PDB file of N, CA and C in Angstrom:
ATOM      1  N   MET A   1     124.402  -7.987  -8.542  1.00  0.00           N
ATOM      2  CA  MET A   1     125.204  -8.470  -9.856  1.00  0.00           C
ATOM      3  C   MET A   1     126.293  -7.567 -10.095  1.00  0.00           C
ATOM      4  N   ILE A   2     126.244  -6.307  -9.372  1.00  0.00           N
ATOM      5  CA  ILE A   2     127.484  -5.490  -9.408  1.00  0.00           C
ATOM      6  C   ILE A   2     128.674  -6.273  -8.505  1.00  0.00           C
ATOM      7  N   ASP A   3     128.219  -6.628  -7.554  1.00  0.00           N
ATOM      8  CA  ASP A   3     129.172  -7.586  -6.548  1.00  0.00           C
ATOM      9  C   ASP A   3     129.664  -8.643  -7.460  1.00  0.00           C
ATOM     10  N   GLN A   4     128.877  -9.227  -8.168  1.00  0.00           N
ATOM     11  CA  GLN A   4     129.603 -10.572  -8.964  1.00  0.00           C
ATOM     12  C   GLN A   4     130.455  -9.813 -10.025  1.00  0.00           C
ATOM     13  N   ARG A   5     130.087  -8.826 -10.602  1.00  0.00           N
ATOM     14  CA  ARG A   5     130.950  -8.151 -11.592  1.00  0.00           C
ATOM     15  C   ARG A   5     132.301  -7.861 -11.033  1.00  0.00           C
ATOM     16  N   THR A   6     132.277  -7.225  -9.781  1.00  0.00           N
ATOM     17  CA  THR A   6     133.536  -6.715  -9.105  1.00  0.00           C
ATOM     18  C   THR A   6     134.142  -8.065  -8.813  1.00  0.00           C
ATOM     19  N   ALA A   7     133.679  -9.122  -8.346  1.00  0.00           N
ATOM     20  CA  ALA A   7     134.439 -10.350  -7.891  1.00  0.00           C
ATOM     21  C   ALA A   7     135.081 -11.021  -9.344  1.00  0.00           C
ATOM     22  N   TRP A   8     134.588 -10.909 -10.524  1.00  0.00           N
ATOM     23  CA  TRP A   8     135.130 -11.282 -11.741  1.00  0.00           C
ATOM     24  C   TRP A   8     136.304 -10.664 -12.173  1.00  0.00           C
ATOM     25  N   LEU A   9     136.074  -9.254 -11.844  1.00  0.00           N
ATOM     26  CA  LEU A   9     137.213  -8.330 -12.345  1.00  0.00           C
ATOM     27  C   LEU A   9     138.389  -8.621 -11.273  1.00  0.00           C
ATOM     28  N   GLN A  10     138.141  -8.843 -10.167  1.00  0.00           N
ATOM     29  CA  GLN A  10     139.169  -9.085  -9.307  1.00  0.00           C
ATOM     30  C   GLN A  10     139.937 -10.458  -9.510  1.00  0.00           C
ATOM     31  N   ARG A  11     139.009 -11.422  -9.792  1.00  0.00           N
ATOM     32  CA  ARG A  11     139.658 -12.622 -10.274  1.00  0.00           C
ATOM     33  C   ARG A  11     140.579 -12.555 -11.697  1.00  0.00           C
ATOM     34  N   LEU A  12     140.116 -11.757 -12.411  1.00  0.00           N
ATOM     35  CA  LEU A  12     140.919 -11.458 -13.753  1.00  0.00           C
ATOM     36  C   LEU A  12     142.243 -10.705 -13.238  1.00  0.00           C
ATOM     37  N   GLN A  13     142.115  -9.740 -12.486  1.00  0.00           N
ATOM     38  CA  GLN A  13     143.261  -8.917 -11.995  1.00  0.00           C
ATOM     39  C   GLN A  13     144.258  -9.724 -11.142  1.00  0.00           C
ATOM     40  N   ALA A  14     143.763 -10.642 -10.441  1.00  0.00           N
ATOM     41  CA  ALA A  14     144.466 -11.661  -9.544  1.00  0.00           C
ATOM     42  C   ALA A  14     145.390 -12.527 -10.467  1.00  0.00           C
ATOM     43  N   GLN A  15     144.663 -13.180 -11.551  1.00  0.00           N
ATOM     44  CA  GLN A  15     145.216 -14.074 -12.551  1.00  0.00           C
ATOM     45  C   GLN A  15     146.245 -13.383 -13.247  1.00  0.00           C
ATOM     46  N   LEU A  16     145.980 -12.028 -13.628  1.00  0.00           N
ATOM     47  CA  LEU A  16     147.098 -11.410 -14.479  1.00  0.00           C
ATOM     48  C   LEU A  16     148.334 -10.965 -13.599  1.00  0.00           C
ATOM     49  N   PHE A  17     148.178 -10.791 -12.128  1.00  0.00           N
ATOM     50  CA  PHE A  17     149.140 -10.615 -11.263  1.00  0.00           C
ATOM     51  C   PHE A  17     150.214 -11.795 -11.190  1.00  0.00           C
ATOM     52  N   HIS A  18     149.402 -12.876 -11.110  1.00  0.00           N
ATOM     53  CA  HIS A  18     150.178 -14.187 -10.978  1.00  0.00           C
ATOM     54  C   HIS A  18     150.659 -14.573 -12.226  1.00  0.00           C
ATOM     55  N   GLN A  19     150.357 -14.200 -13.390  1.00  0.00           N
ATOM     56  CA  GLN A  19     151.021 -14.457 -14.710  1.00  0.00           C
ATOM     57  C   GLN A  19     152.015 -13.539 -15.051  1.00  0.00           C
ATOM     58  N   GLY A  20     152.228 -12.395 -14.256  1.00  0.00           N
ATOM     59  CA  GLY A  20     153.402 -11.497 -14.417  1.00  0.00           C
ATOM     60  C   GLY A  20     152.943 -10.177 -15.104  1.00  0.00           C
ATOM     61  N   ALA A  21     151.648 -10.079 -15.489  1.00  0.00           N
ATOM     62  CA  ALA A  21     151.234  -8.965 -16.500  1.00  0.00           C
ATOM     63  C   ALA A  21     151.421  -7.689 -15.669  1.00  0.00           C
ATOM     64  N   PRO A  22     151.854  -6.710 -16.400  1.00  0.00           N
ATOM     65  CA  PRO A  22     152.212  -5.354 -15.845  1.00  0.00           C
ATOM     66  C   PRO A  22     150.972  -4.719 -15.165  1.00  0.00           C
ATOM     67  N   PRO A  23     151.018  -3.987 -14.108  1.00  0.00           N
ATOM     68  CA  PRO A  23     149.897  -3.449 -13.332  1.00  0.00           C
ATOM     69  C   PRO A  23     149.341  -2.408 -14.217  1.00  0.00           C
ATOM     70  N   GLY A  24     147.996  -2.069 -13.769  1.00  0.00           N
ATOM     71  CA  GLY A  24     147.345  -0.965 -14.618  1.00  0.00           C
ATOM     72  C   GLY A  24     146.494  -1.195 -15.686  1.00  0.00           C
ATOM     73  N   LEU A  25     146.484  -2.473 -15.968  1.00  0.00           N
ATOM     74  CA  LEU A  25     145.527  -2.853 -17.067  1.00  0.00           C
ATOM     75  C   LEU A  25     144.154  -2.771 -16.881  1.00  0.00           C
ATOM     76  N   LYS A  26     143.378  -2.039 -17.663  1.00  0.00           N
ATOM     77  CA  LYS A  26     141.970  -1.874 -17.275  1.00  0.00           C
ATOM     78  C   LYS A  26     141.128  -2.712 -18.548  1.00  0.00           C
ATOM     79  N   PRO A  27     140.874  -3.964 -17.967  1.00  0.00           N
ATOM     80  CA  PRO A  27     140.062  -4.859 -18.917  1.00  0.00           C
ATOM     81  C   PRO A  27     138.595  -4.444 -19.238  1.00  0.00           C
ATOM     82  N   ARG A  28     138.178  -3.492 -18.683  1.00  0.00           N
ATOM     83  CA  ARG A  28     136.836  -3.192 -19.057  1.00  0.00           C
ATOM     84  C   ARG A  28     136.733  -2.083 -20.071  1.00  0.00           C
ATOM     85  N   THR A  29     138.146  -1.630 -20.598  1.00  0.00           N
ATOM     86  CA  THR A  29     138.294  -0.599 -21.710  1.00  0.00           C
ATOM     87  C   THR A  29     138.550  -1.366 -23.078  1.00  0.00           C
ATOM     88  N   ALA A  30     138.192  -0.780 -24.060  1.00  0.00           N
ATOM     89  CA  ALA A  30     138.700  -1.401 -25.487  1.00  0.00           C
ATOM     90  C   ALA A  30     140.192  -1.405 -25.400  1.00  0.00           C
ATOM     91  N   ALA A  31     140.863  -0.275 -24.883  1.00  0.00           N
ATOM     92  CA  ALA A  31     142.346  -0.388 -24.926  1.00  0.00           C
ATOM     93  C   ALA A  31     142.971  -1.655 -24.067  1.00  0.00           C
ATOM     94  N   GLY A  32     142.272  -1.663 -23.024  1.00  0.00           N
ATOM     95  CA  GLY A  32     142.532  -2.826 -22.006  1.00  0.00           C
ATOM     96  C   GLY A  32     142.412  -4.124 -22.691  1.00  0.00           C
ATOM     97  N   ARG A  33     141.276  -4.282 -23.347  1.00  0.00           N
ATOM     98  CA  ARG A  33     140.925  -5.514 -23.891  1.00  0.00           C
ATOM     99  C   ARG A  33     142.041  -5.966 -25.138  1.00  0.00           C
ATOM    100  N   ARG A  34     142.519  -4.898 -25.830  1.00  0.00           N
ATOM    101  CA  ARG A  34     143.747  -5.210 -26.838  1.00  0.00           C
ATOM    102  C   ARG A  34     144.903  -5.300 -26.241  1.00  0.00           C
ATOM    103  N   GLU A  35     145.275  -4.794 -25.178  1.00  0.00           N
ATOM    104  CA  GLU A  35     146.403  -5.163 -24.445  1.00  0.00           C
ATOM    105  C   GLU A  35     146.323  -6.449 -23.826  1.00  0.00           C
ATOM    106  N   LEU A  36     145.349  -6.922 -23.251  1.00  0.00           N
ATOM    107  CA  LEU A  36     145.151  -8.214 -22.667  1.00  0.00           C
ATOM    108  C   LEU A  36     145.157  -9.274 -23.721  1.00  0.00           C
ATOM    109  N   ALA A  37     144.799  -9.049 -24.799  1.00  0.00           N
ATOM    110  CA  ALA A  37     144.985 -10.067 -26.143  1.00  0.00           C
ATOM    111  C   ALA A  37     146.550 -10.136 -26.341  1.00  0.00           C
ATOM    112  N   THR A  38     147.221  -9.132 -26.113  1.00  0.00           N
ATOM    113  CA  THR A  38     148.654  -9.192 -26.465  1.00  0.00           C
ATOM    114  C   THR A  38     149.600  -9.811 -25.458  1.00  0.00           C
ATOM    115  N   LEU A  39     149.189 -10.011 -24.212  1.00  0.00           N
ATOM    116  CA  LEU A  39     149.893 -10.405 -23.164  1.00  0.00           C
ATOM    117  C   LEU A  39     150.334 -11.917 -23.206  1.00  0.00           C
ATOM    118  N   ALA A  40     151.327 -12.289 -22.818  1.00  0.00           N
ATOM    119  CA  ALA A  40     151.837 -13.736 -22.883  1.00  0.00           C
ATOM    120  C   ALA A  40     151.523 -14.344 -21.721  1.00  0.00           C
ATOM    121  N   LEU A  41     150.452 -15.169 -21.868  1.00  0.00           N
ATOM    122  CA  LEU A  41     149.830 -15.808 -20.560  1.00  0.00           C
ATOM    123  C   LEU A  41     150.079 -17.283 -20.796  1.00  0.00           C
ATOM    124  N   SER A  42     149.986 -18.172 -19.748  1.00  0.00           N
ATOM    125  CA  SER A  42     150.132 -19.662 -19.837  1.00  0.00           C
ATOM    126  C   SER A  42     148.747 -20.133 -20.334  1.00  0.00           C
ATOM    127  N   PRO A  43     148.685 -21.109 -21.056  1.00  0.00           N
ATOM    128  CA  PRO A  43     147.237 -21.723 -21.638  1.00  0.00           C
ATOM    129  C   PRO A  43     146.225 -21.828 -20.409  1.00  0.00           C
ATOM    130  N   ALA A  44     146.484 -22.046 -19.226  1.00  0.00           N
ATOM    131  CA  ALA A  44     145.570 -21.966 -18.221  1.00  0.00           C
ATOM    132  C   ALA A  44     145.185 -20.624 -17.898  1.00  0.00           C
ATOM    133  N   GLY A  45     146.303 -19.865 -17.845  1.00  0.00           N
ATOM    134  CA  GLY A  45     146.136 -18.345 -17.486  1.00  0.00           C
ATOM    135  C   GLY A  45     145.075 -17.752 -18.481  1.00  0.00           C
ATOM    136  N   ARG A  46     145.490 -18.013 -19.800  1.00  0.00           N
ATOM    137  CA  ARG A  46     144.489 -17.583 -20.892  1.00  0.00           C
ATOM    138  C   ARG A  46     143.158 -18.011 -20.771  1.00  0.00           C
ATOM    139  N   GLU A  47     142.927 -19.102 -20.297  1.00  0.00           N
ATOM    140  CA  GLU A  47     141.638 -19.688 -20.363  1.00  0.00           C
ATOM    141  C   GLU A  47     140.806 -18.907 -19.139  1.00  0.00           C
ATOM    142  N   VAL A  48     141.504 -18.885 -18.104  1.00  0.00           N
ATOM    143  CA  VAL A  48     140.902 -17.998 -17.106  1.00  0.00           C
ATOM    144  C   VAL A  48     140.443 -16.697 -17.382  1.00  0.00           C
ATOM    145  N   ALA A  49     141.422 -15.935 -17.985  1.00  0.00           N
ATOM    146  CA  ALA A  49     141.351 -14.710 -18.301  1.00  0.00           C
ATOM    147  C   ALA A  49     140.125 -14.523 -19.393  1.00  0.00           C
ATOM    148  N   GLU A  50     140.045 -15.481 -20.485  1.00  0.00           N
ATOM    149  CA  GLU A  50     138.919 -15.355 -21.439  1.00  0.00           C
ATOM    150  C   GLU A  50     137.604 -15.685 -20.651  1.00  0.00           C
ATOM    151  N   LEU A  51     137.550 -16.499 -19.543  1.00  0.00           N
ATOM    152  CA  LEU A  51     136.353 -16.776 -18.981  1.00  0.00           C
ATOM    153  C   LEU A  51     135.994 -15.521 -18.051  1.00  0.00           C
ATOM    154  N   CYS A  52     136.799 -14.928 -17.432  1.00  0.00           N
ATOM    155  CA  CYS A  52     136.337 -13.814 -16.668  1.00  0.00           C
ATOM    156  C   CYS A  52     136.032 -12.658 -17.537  1.00  0.00           C
ATOM    157  N   VAL A  53     136.674 -12.401 -18.760  1.00  0.00           N
ATOM    158  CA  VAL A  53     136.175 -11.367 -19.801  1.00  0.00           C
ATOM    159  C   VAL A  53     134.663 -11.803 -20.201  1.00  0.00           C
ATOM    160  N   ARG A  54     134.381 -13.060 -20.695  1.00  0.00           N
ATOM    161  CA  ARG A  54     133.189 -13.269 -20.901  1.00  0.00           C
ATOM    162  C   ARG A  54     132.029 -13.123 -19.667  1.00  0.00           C
ATOM    163  N   MET A  55     132.536 -13.457 -18.635  1.00  0.00           N
ATOM    164  CA  MET A  55     131.462 -13.132 -17.571  1.00  0.00           C
ATOM    165  C   MET A  55     131.348 -11.781 -17.327  1.00  0.00           C
ATOM    166  N   LEU A  56     132.202 -11.020 -17.424  1.00  0.00           N
ATOM    167  CA  LEU A  56     132.269  -9.518 -17.244  1.00  0.00           C
ATOM    168  C   LEU A  56     131.231  -8.865 -18.337  1.00  0.00           C
ATOM    169  N   ASP A  57     131.406  -9.322 -19.587  1.00  0.00           N
ATOM    170  CA  ASP A  57     130.678  -8.938 -20.572  1.00  0.00           C
ATOM    171  C   ASP A  57     129.022  -9.474 -20.516  1.00  0.00           C
ATOM    172  N   GLN A  58     128.845 -10.577 -20.013  1.00  0.00           N
ATOM    173  CA  GLN A  58     127.495 -11.028 -19.789  1.00  0.00           C
ATOM    174  C   GLN A  58     126.854 -10.219 -18.505  1.00  0.00           C
ATOM    175  N   LEU A  59     127.537 -10.036 -17.476  1.00  0.00           N
ATOM    176  CA  LEU A  59     126.989  -9.195 -16.516  1.00  0.00           C
ATOM    177  C   LEU A  59     126.640  -7.794 -17.037  1.00  0.00           C
ATOM    178  N   ASP A  60     127.623  -7.406 -17.694  1.00  0.00           N
ATOM    179  CA  ASP A  60     127.278  -5.892 -18.362  1.00  0.00           C
ATOM    180  C   ASP A  60     126.187  -5.784 -19.248  1.00  0.00           C
ATOM    181  N   ARG A  61     125.903  -6.915 -19.933  1.00  0.00           N
ATOM    182  CA  ARG A  61     124.727  -6.999 -20.793  1.00  0.00           C
ATOM    183  C   ARG A  61     123.359  -7.205 -20.076  1.00  0.00           C
ATOM    184  N   GLU A  62     123.581  -7.850 -18.715  1.00  0.00           N
ATOM    185  CA  GLU A  62     122.237  -7.999 -17.961  1.00  0.00           C
ATOM    186  C   GLU A  62     122.203  -6.856 -17.142  1.00  0.00           C
ATOM    187  N   LEU A  63     123.113  -5.997 -16.926  1.00  0.00           N
ATOM    188  CA  LEU A  63     123.089  -4.783 -16.163  1.00  0.00           C
ATOM    189  C   LEU A  63     122.504  -3.504 -16.721  1.00  0.00           C
ATOM    190  N   ALA A  64     122.675  -3.557 -18.235  1.00  0.00           N
ATOM    191  CA  ALA A  64     122.517  -2.478 -18.944  1.00  0.00           C
ATOM    192  C   ALA A  64     120.951  -2.047 -18.938  1.00  0.00           C
ATOM    193  N   PRO A  65     119.927  -2.923 -19.113  1.00  0.00           N
ATOM    194  CA  PRO A  65     118.711  -2.480 -19.032  1.00  0.00           C
ATOM    195  C   PRO A  65     118.224  -2.120 -17.658  1.00  0.00           C
ATOM    196  N   ILE A  66     118.736  -2.616 -16.569  1.00  0.00           N
ATOM    197  CA  ILE A  66     118.449  -2.269 -15.426  1.00  0.00           C
ATOM    198  C   ILE A  66     118.928  -0.478 -14.966  1.00  0.00           C
ATOM    199  N   ASP A  67     120.242  -0.539 -15.574  1.00  0.00           N
ATOM    200  CA  ASP A  67     120.730   1.028 -15.403  1.00  0.00           C
ATOM    201  C   ASP A  67     119.943   1.971 -16.230  1.00  0.00           C
ATOM    202  N   ARG A  68     119.425   1.501 -17.502  1.00  0.00           N
ATOM    203  CA  ARG A  68     118.765   2.463 -18.160  1.00  0.00           C
ATOM    204  C   ARG A  68     117.304   2.699 -17.407  1.00  0.00           C
ATOM    205  N   ALA A  69     116.733   1.645 -16.866  1.00  0.00           N
ATOM    206  CA  ALA A  69     115.483   1.980 -16.156  1.00  0.00           C
ATOM    207  C   ALA A  69     115.541   2.803 -14.790  1.00  0.00           C
ATOM    208  N   LEU A  70     116.562   2.449 -14.131  1.00  0.00           N
ATOM    209  CA  LEU A  70     116.869   3.538 -13.164  1.00  0.00           C
ATOM    210  C   LEU A  70     117.178   4.873 -13.454  1.00  0.00           C
ATOM    211  N   GLN A  71     118.014   5.000 -14.573  1.00  0.00           N
ATOM    212  CA  GLN A  71     118.238   6.396 -15.173  1.00  0.00           C
ATOM    213  C   GLN A  71     116.902   7.190 -15.625  1.00  0.00           C
ATOM    214  N   SER A  72     116.094   6.219 -16.325  1.00  0.00           N
ATOM    215  CA  SER A  72     114.842   6.893 -16.715  1.00  0.00           C
ATOM    216  C   SER A  72     113.862   7.155 -15.577  1.00  0.00           C
ATOM    217  N   PHE A  73     113.867   6.623 -14.569  1.00  0.00           N
ATOM    218  CA  PHE A  73     113.194   6.777 -13.181  1.00  0.00           C
ATOM    219  C   PHE A  73     113.608   8.042 -12.540  1.00  0.00           C
ATOM    220  N   ALA A  74     115.122   7.994 -12.403  1.00  0.00           N
ATOM    221  CA  ALA A  74     115.640   9.211 -11.764  1.00  0.00           C
ATOM    222  C   ALA A  74     115.324  10.549 -12.543  1.00  0.00           C
ATOM    223  N   ARG A  75     115.306  10.491 -13.829  1.00  0.00           N
ATOM    224  CA  ARG A  75     115.082  11.703 -14.728  1.00  0.00           C
ATOM    225  C   ARG A  75     113.533  12.302 -14.452  1.00  0.00           C
ATOM    226  N   ARG A  76     112.611  11.247 -14.001  1.00  0.00           N
ATOM    227  CA  ARG A  76     111.269  11.621 -13.697  1.00  0.00           C
ATOM    228  C   ARG A  76     110.997  11.993 -12.305  1.00  0.00           C
ATOM    229  N   GLN A  77     111.818  11.644 -11.370  1.00  0.00           N
ATOM    230  CA  GLN A  77     111.428  11.822  -9.972  1.00  0.00           C
ATOM    231  C   GLN A  77     112.279  13.239  -9.500  1.00  0.00           C
ATOM    232  N   PRO A  78     111.480  14.018  -9.144  1.00  0.00           N
ATOM    233  CA  PRO A  78     112.032  15.535  -8.627  1.00  0.00           C
ATOM    234  C   PRO A  78     112.978  15.171  -7.464  1.00  0.00           C
ATOM    235  N   GLY A  79     112.794  14.220  -6.628  1.00  0.00           N
ATOM    236  CA  GLY A  79     113.722  13.824  -5.373  1.00  0.00           C
ATOM    237  C   GLY A  79     115.014  13.554  -5.980  1.00  0.00           C
ATOM    238  N   CYS A  80     115.017  12.659  -6.977  1.00  0.00           N
ATOM    239  CA  CYS A  80     116.366  12.185  -7.714  1.00  0.00           C
ATOM    240  C   CYS A  80     117.053  13.330  -8.346  1.00  0.00           C
ATOM    241  N   ARG A  81     116.276  14.115  -9.139  1.00  0.00           N
ATOM    242  CA  ARG A  81     116.833  15.195  -9.831  1.00  0.00           C
ATOM    243  C   ARG A  81     117.558  16.171  -8.803  1.00  0.00           C
ATOM    244  N   ALA A  82     116.901  16.506  -7.708  1.00  0.00           N
ATOM    245  CA  ALA A  82     117.510  17.327  -6.637  1.00  0.00           C
ATOM    246  C   ALA A  82     118.788  16.673  -6.150  1.00  0.00           C
ATOM    247  N   LEU A  83     118.632  15.498  -5.907  1.00  0.00           N
ATOM    248  CA  LEU A  83     120.013  14.845  -5.440  1.00  0.00           C
ATOM    249  C   LEU A  83     120.988  14.835  -6.198  1.00  0.00           C
ATOM    250  N   THR A  84     120.836  14.625  -7.468  1.00  0.00           N
ATOM    251  CA  THR A  84     121.889  14.603  -8.590  1.00  0.00           C
ATOM    252  C   THR A  84     122.429  16.003  -8.828  1.00  0.00           C
ATOM    253  N   GLY A  85     121.524  16.948  -8.618  1.00  0.00           N
ATOM    254  CA  GLY A  85     121.741  18.269  -8.888  1.00  0.00           C
ATOM    255  C   GLY A  85     122.600  18.928  -7.864  1.00  0.00           C
ATOM    256  N   ARG A  86     122.447  18.497  -6.557  1.00  0.00           N
ATOM    257  CA  ARG A  86     123.117  19.172  -5.503  1.00  0.00           C
ATOM    258  C   ARG A  86     124.081  18.470  -4.786  1.00  0.00           C
ATOM    259  N   LEU A  87     124.227  17.200  -5.057  1.00  0.00           N
ATOM    260  CA  LEU A  87     125.258  16.412  -4.404  1.00  0.00           C
ATOM    261  C   LEU A  87     126.121  15.878  -5.329  1.00  0.00           C
ATOM    262  N   TYR A  88     127.546  16.319  -5.139  1.00  0.00           N
ATOM    263  CA  TYR A  88     128.603  15.874  -5.950  1.00  0.00           C
ATOM    264  C   TYR A  88     128.809  14.480  -5.934  1.00  0.00           C
ATOM    265  N   GLY A  89     128.829  13.627  -6.953  1.00  0.00           N
ATOM    266  CA  GLY A  89     129.104  12.361  -6.985  1.00  0.00           C
ATOM    267  C   GLY A  89     127.847  11.380  -6.991  1.00  0.00           C
ATOM    268  N   VAL A  90     126.744  12.020  -6.683  1.00  0.00           N
ATOM    269  CA  VAL A  90     125.501  11.292  -6.952  1.00  0.00           C
ATOM    270  C   VAL A  90     124.886  11.305  -8.144  1.00  0.00           C
ATOM    271  N   GLY A  91     124.753  10.149  -8.725  1.00  0.00           N
ATOM    272  CA  GLY A  91     124.283   9.932 -10.092  1.00  0.00           C
ATOM    273  C   GLY A  91     122.883   9.346  -9.999  1.00  0.00           C
ATOM    274  N   ALA A  92     122.314   8.936 -11.097  1.00  0.00           N
ATOM    275  CA  ALA A  92     120.945   8.531 -11.310  1.00  0.00           C
ATOM    276  C   ALA A  92     120.867   7.198 -10.459  1.00  0.00           C
ATOM    277  N   VAL A  93     121.644   6.249 -10.431  1.00  0.00           N
ATOM    278  CA  VAL A  93     121.520   4.919  -9.698  1.00  0.00           C
ATOM    279  C   VAL A  93     121.523   5.258  -8.184  1.00  0.00           C
ATOM    280  N   THR A  94     122.578   6.039  -7.840  1.00  0.00           N
ATOM    281  CA  THR A  94     122.636   6.361  -6.317  1.00  0.00           C
ATOM    282  C   THR A  94     121.615   7.198  -5.730  1.00  0.00           C
ATOM    283  N   ALA A  95     121.068   8.085  -6.613  1.00  0.00           N
ATOM    284  CA  ALA A  95     120.016   8.864  -6.020  1.00  0.00           C
ATOM    285  C   ALA A  95     118.786   8.112  -5.948  1.00  0.00           C
ATOM    286  N   THR A  96     118.433   7.027  -6.834  1.00  0.00           N
ATOM    287  CA  THR A  96     117.466   6.411  -6.808  1.00  0.00           C
ATOM    288  C   THR A  96     117.457   5.432  -5.500  1.00  0.00           C
ATOM    289  N   ALA A  97     118.551   5.064  -5.361  1.00  0.00           N
ATOM    290  CA  ALA A  97     118.824   4.094  -3.969  1.00  0.00           C
ATOM    291  C   ALA A  97     118.625   5.084  -2.729  1.00  0.00           C
ATOM    292  N   ILE A  98     119.120   6.287  -2.713  1.00  0.00           N
ATOM    293  CA  ILE A  98     118.943   7.054  -1.711  1.00  0.00           C
ATOM    294  C   ILE A  98     117.356   7.434  -1.383  1.00  0.00           C
ATOM    295  N   LEU A  99     116.619   7.548  -2.514  1.00  0.00           N
ATOM    296  CA  LEU A  99     115.315   7.789  -2.422  1.00  0.00           C
ATOM    297  C   LEU A  99     114.556   6.611  -1.908  1.00  0.00           C
ATOM    298  N   ALA A 100     114.964   5.333  -2.370  1.00  0.00           N
ATOM    299  CA  ALA A 100     114.175   4.294  -2.090  1.00  0.00           C
ATOM    300  C   ALA A 100     114.375   3.998  -0.403  1.00  0.00           C
ATOM    301  N   GLU A 101     115.755   4.240   0.015  1.00  0.00           N
ATOM    302  CA  GLU A 101     115.975   4.052   1.377  1.00  0.00           C
ATOM    303  C   GLU A 101     115.178   5.201   2.444  1.00  0.00           C
ATOM    304  N   LEU A 102     115.254   6.358   1.927  1.00  0.00           N
ATOM    305  CA  LEU A 102     114.605   7.388   2.731  1.00  0.00           C
ATOM    306  C   LEU A 102     113.081   7.305   2.608  1.00  0.00           C
ATOM    307  N   GLY A 103     112.455   7.189   1.367  1.00  0.00           N
ATOM    308  CA  GLY A 103     111.055   7.179   1.328  1.00  0.00           C
ATOM    309  C   GLY A 103     110.692   8.570   1.284  1.00  0.00           C
ATOM    310  N   ASP A 104     109.570   9.026   1.597  1.00  0.00           N
ATOM    311  CA  ASP A 104     109.050  10.315   1.666  1.00  0.00           C
ATOM    312  C   ASP A 104     109.766  11.214   2.741  1.00  0.00           C
ATOM    313  N   ALA A 105     110.728  12.151   2.348  1.00  0.00           N
ATOM    314  CA  ALA A 105     111.296  12.925   3.080  1.00  0.00           C
ATOM    315  C   ALA A 105     110.620  13.867   4.205  1.00  0.00           C
ATOM    316  N   ARG A 106     109.399  14.133   3.784  1.00  0.00           N
ATOM    317  CA  ARG A 106     108.578  15.050   4.552  1.00  0.00           C
ATOM    318  C   ARG A 106     108.345  14.299   5.979  1.00  0.00           C
ATOM    319  N   ARG A 107     108.455  13.043   6.195  1.00  0.00           N
ATOM    320  CA  ARG A 107     108.190  12.481   7.478  1.00  0.00           C
ATOM    321  C   ARG A 107     109.316  12.913   8.528  1.00  0.00           C
ATOM    322  N   PHE A 108     110.388  13.503   8.075  1.00  0.00           N
ATOM    323  CA  PHE A 108     111.379  13.855   9.032  1.00  0.00           C
ATOM    324  C   PHE A 108     111.265  15.292   9.352  1.00  0.00           C
ATOM    325  N   LYS A 109     111.298  15.572  10.641  1.00  0.00           N
ATOM    326  CA  LYS A 109     111.294  16.809  11.327  1.00  0.00           C
ATOM    327  C   LYS A 109     112.391  17.830  10.755  1.00  0.00           C
ATOM    328  N   SER A 110     113.661  17.287  10.648  1.00  0.00           N
ATOM    329  CA  SER A 110     114.775  18.113  10.232  1.00  0.00           C
ATOM    330  C   SER A 110     115.611  17.145   9.380  1.00  0.00           C
ATOM    331  N   SER A 111     116.596  17.948   8.820  1.00  0.00           N
ATOM    332  CA  SER A 111     117.657  17.127   7.912  1.00  0.00           C
ATOM    333  C   SER A 111     118.546  16.216   8.750  1.00  0.00           C
ATOM    334  N   ASP A 112     118.769  16.787  10.051  1.00  0.00           N
ATOM    335  CA  ASP A 112     119.518  15.982  11.056  1.00  0.00           C
ATOM    336  C   ASP A 112     118.670  14.564  11.117  1.00  0.00           C
ATOM    337  N   ASP A 113     117.373  14.541  11.170  1.00  0.00           N
ATOM    338  CA  ASP A 113     116.552  13.269  11.341  1.00  0.00           C
ATOM    339  C   ASP A 113     116.772  12.392  10.109  1.00  0.00           C
ATOM    340  N   ALA A 114     116.891  12.991   9.078  1.00  0.00           N
ATOM    341  CA  ALA A 114     117.034  12.243   7.750  1.00  0.00           C
ATOM    342  C   ALA A 114     118.299  11.602   7.679  1.00  0.00           C
ATOM    343  N   VAL A 115     119.480  12.329   8.122  1.00  0.00           N
ATOM    344  CA  VAL A 115     120.905  11.952   8.208  1.00  0.00           C
ATOM    345  C   VAL A 115     120.838  10.780   8.988  1.00  0.00           C
ATOM    346  N   ARG A 116     120.396  10.938  10.040  1.00  0.00           N
ATOM    347  CA  ARG A 116     120.381   9.736  11.170  1.00  0.00           C
ATOM    348  C   ARG A 116     119.768   8.521  10.655  1.00  0.00           C
ATOM    349  N   HIS A 117     118.740   8.712   9.911  1.00  0.00           N
ATOM    350  CA  HIS A 117     118.012   7.538   9.391  1.00  0.00           C
ATOM    351  C   HIS A 117     118.904   6.807   8.549  1.00  0.00           C
TER     352      HIS A 117
END
């Protein structure tokens, strides 16, 4: 679903580029949405932009409970807490993915083995 959200965001950015919108608009923020509403777009461009925004909102609504569940899991798991505490840029979702990929880290003889895995 994150890939789909990224694809819809890219479609929106491409549409805005073709409509001559100024670069740097962030349509996932409240300020970006207000700016998007003020842009002079063609009727077809406005329709595409509104569709993209609706799809982004729907995907965000569907991803929210998944994110909450992963964050809750990461708070309870010692391995996830260690990863988020020690590795810059690793959050709850990424720590859960790393833990799921590695499994029980005690099966590795060394940290080099875990990195190679």
